[in-house]
Amino acid sequence: MRAATLQVLLLLTAVACGGDDEPTAPSILQVGGAWTFTESYTDTPLQTTCTNQATVTFAQTGASFSGNSVQTGSCTDPTGTFANSGTFQLRNGRVDNNNVQWTDDGEPVCNYTGTISGTPPNRMSGTVRCNGVVANVSYDARGTWQMTR
């Protein structure tokens, strides 16, 4: 009887301590909301450098997001300085672990990739590449960006 009682107690202890063996899904970092954004990029062959600041707002659903950017900035090329301001739609946003990427609808289109940091996420930074043909001019600008909240 004592051996049977001990076996039952051991079995109950094992069941009670076993827990759920299913792994928990990793939580998706949340980037939704307003961010303060800066970037700088250069198209070396065209001798053009742009520096921009923006308020960026993302709406996130799961690992996907989209948003807009209200930007003020300027570019300098051999002929002088010109404005690079406007409102841009941000699309195809994706969060994968601490990696982030999205595309804007500017001319030329810019593709952003980077990393998310902070707990909760309060900083992102990475690289930008803007390439395409606008008014028969081929652009291929590359640079860096960062944003905080």
Protein backbone atom coordinates (compact mmCIF):
# COMPACT_ATOMS: atom_id res chain seq x y z
CA MET A 1 0.00 0.00 0.00
CA ARG A 2 2.80 2.37 0.87
CA ALA A 3 4.55 1.70 -2.47
CA ALA A 4 1.30 2.31 -4.38
CA THR A 5 0.68 5.56 -2.50
CA LEU A 6 4.23 6.72 -3.23
CA GLN A 7 3.80 5.91 -6.93
CA VAL A 8 0.53 7.86 -7.07
CA LEU A 9 2.15 10.85 -5.33
CA LEU A 10 5.10 10.79 -7.74
CA LEU A 11 2.73 10.58 -10.71
CA LEU A 12 0.63 13.51 -9.44
CA THR A 13 3.76 15.56 -8.82
CA ALA A 14 5.03 14.87 -12.35
CA VAL A 15 1.67 15.84 -13.88
CA ALA A 16 1.40 19.00 -11.78
CA CYS A 17 4.95 20.14 -12.65
CA GLY A 18 4.83 19.12 -16.30
CA GLY A 19 3.30 22.32 -17.60
CA ASP A 20 2.60 23.05 -21.22
CA ASP A 21 5.30 21.69 -23.51
CA GLU A 22 4.22 23.84 -26.46
CA PRO A 23 6.71 26.63 -27.18
CA THR A 24 5.37 30.14 -26.93
CA ALA A 25 5.41 32.20 -30.09
CA PRO A 26 7.90 35.06 -30.00
CA SER A 27 6.21 38.39 -29.47
CA ILE A 28 6.28 40.81 -32.40
CA LEU A 29 7.99 44.09 -31.64
CA GLN A 30 5.55 46.98 -31.81
CA VAL A 31 6.56 49.89 -34.06
CA GLY A 32 3.11 51.46 -34.42
CA GLY A 33 2.80 55.12 -33.45
CA ALA A 34 4.68 58.37 -34.03
CA TRP A 35 8.45 58.59 -34.55
CA THR A 36 10.96 61.39 -35.10
CA PHE A 37 13.00 60.50 -38.19
CA THR A 38 16.25 61.73 -39.78
CA GLU A 39 18.13 60.52 -42.84
CA SER A 40 21.04 61.43 -45.04
CA TYR A 41 21.88 59.89 -48.41
CA THR A 42 24.20 60.55 -51.33
CA ASP A 43 24.16 59.75 -55.03
CA THR A 44 27.91 59.88 -55.72
CA PRO A 45 27.81 59.91 -59.56
CA LEU A 46 25.28 62.77 -59.52
CA GLN A 47 27.15 64.56 -56.69
CA THR A 48 23.86 64.93 -54.83
CA THR A 49 23.42 64.74 -51.06
CA CYS A 50 20.07 64.97 -49.24
CA THR A 51 19.36 65.50 -45.54
CA ASN A 52 15.78 65.10 -44.32
CA GLN A 53 13.78 65.19 -41.08
CA ALA A 54 10.25 63.88 -40.68
CA THR A 55 7.47 62.90 -38.37
CA VAL A 56 6.69 59.29 -39.25
CA THR A 57 3.51 57.53 -38.14
CA PHE A 58 3.07 53.77 -38.47
CA ALA A 59 -0.11 51.68 -38.08
CA GLN A 60 0.78 48.06 -37.30
CA THR A 61 -1.19 44.81 -37.59
CA GLY A 62 0.82 41.79 -36.54
CA ALA A 63 4.21 41.85 -38.26
CA SER A 64 2.99 44.19 -41.05
CA PHE A 65 2.72 47.97 -40.98
CA SER A 66 2.15 50.99 -43.17
CA GLY A 67 2.09 54.70 -42.54
CA ASN A 68 3.09 58.15 -43.67
CA SER A 69 5.96 60.57 -43.41
CA VAL A 70 5.65 64.35 -43.27
CA GLN A 71 9.13 65.41 -44.35
CA THR A 72 11.15 68.61 -44.54
CA GLY A 73 14.56 68.49 -46.10
CA SER A 74 16.94 69.65 -48.75
CA CYS A 75 19.35 68.30 -51.32
CA THR A 76 22.52 69.81 -52.68
CA ASP A 77 23.97 69.10 -56.13
CA PRO A 78 26.48 70.94 -58.35
CA THR A 79 23.81 73.49 -59.34
CA GLY A 80 22.83 74.42 -55.77
CA THR A 81 20.38 73.50 -53.02
CA PHE A 82 16.75 72.55 -53.52
CA ALA A 83 13.84 71.50 -51.30
CA ASN A 84 13.13 67.84 -50.64
CA SER A 85 9.93 68.16 -48.60
CA GLY A 86 6.56 66.48 -48.82
CA THR A 87 4.22 63.83 -47.49
CA PHE A 88 4.99 60.25 -48.42
CA GLN A 89 3.09 57.00 -48.00
CA LEU A 90 5.06 54.19 -46.37
CA ARG A 91 4.10 50.68 -47.40
CA ASN A 92 5.18 47.04 -47.38
CA GLY A 93 6.40 47.44 -43.81
CA ARG A 94 7.52 44.29 -42.06
CA VAL A 95 8.91 43.45 -38.60
CA ASP A 96 10.94 40.22 -38.33
CA ASN A 97 12.44 39.72 -34.86
CA ASN A 98 14.38 42.98 -34.37
CA ASN A 99 14.66 43.67 -38.12
CA VAL A 100 12.46 46.19 -39.91
CA GLN A 101 11.89 47.17 -43.54
CA TRP A 102 9.55 49.35 -45.59
CA THR A 103 9.31 51.29 -48.85
CA ASP A 104 8.12 54.83 -49.55
CA ASP A 105 6.26 56.14 -52.59
CA GLY A 106 8.67 58.96 -53.43
CA GLU A 107 10.36 59.54 -56.75
CA PRO A 108 12.69 57.75 -56.81
CA VAL A 109 11.35 55.04 -54.49
CA CYS A 110 13.38 54.55 -51.30
CA ASN A 111 13.80 51.17 -49.56
CA TYR A 112 14.58 51.17 -45.84
CA THR A 113 16.08 48.30 -43.82
CA GLY A 114 17.28 48.36 -40.25
CA THR A 115 17.08 47.17 -36.68
CA ILE A 116 14.79 47.94 -33.77
CA SER A 117 16.17 48.53 -30.27
CA GLY A 118 14.93 49.39 -26.80
CA THR A 119 12.47 47.76 -24.41
CA PRO A 120 9.83 48.72 -25.35
CA PRO A 121 11.05 49.61 -28.84
CA ASN A 122 12.09 53.28 -28.88
CA ARG A 123 14.83 53.45 -31.52
CA MET A 124 15.35 52.19 -35.06
CA SER A 125 18.26 52.75 -37.42
CA GLY A 126 19.57 51.37 -40.66
CA THR A 127 20.31 51.98 -44.32
CA VAL A 128 18.31 53.51 -47.15
CA ARG A 129 18.64 53.08 -50.90
CA CYS A 130 16.70 55.32 -53.29
CA ASN A 131 16.89 54.26 -56.90
CA GLY A 132 14.96 54.68 -60.12
CA VAL A 133 14.58 56.95 -63.12
CA VAL A 134 12.91 60.34 -62.67
CA ALA A 135 12.65 62.84 -65.56
CA ASN A 136 15.12 60.75 -67.58
CA VAL A 137 17.73 60.88 -64.79
CA SER A 138 18.85 57.62 -63.19
CA TYR A 139 19.20 57.86 -59.40
CA ASP A 140 20.99 55.47 -57.03
CA ALA A 141 21.39 57.19 -53.66
CA ARG A 142 22.50 55.37 -50.50
CA GLY A 143 22.70 56.44 -46.91
CA THR A 144 21.60 55.97 -43.32
CA TRP A 145 18.52 56.75 -41.25
CA GLN A 146 17.43 56.69 -37.63
CA MET A 147 14.27 57.34 -35.67
CA THR A 148 13.31 57.66 -32.02
CA ARG A 149 10.18 58.02 -29.93
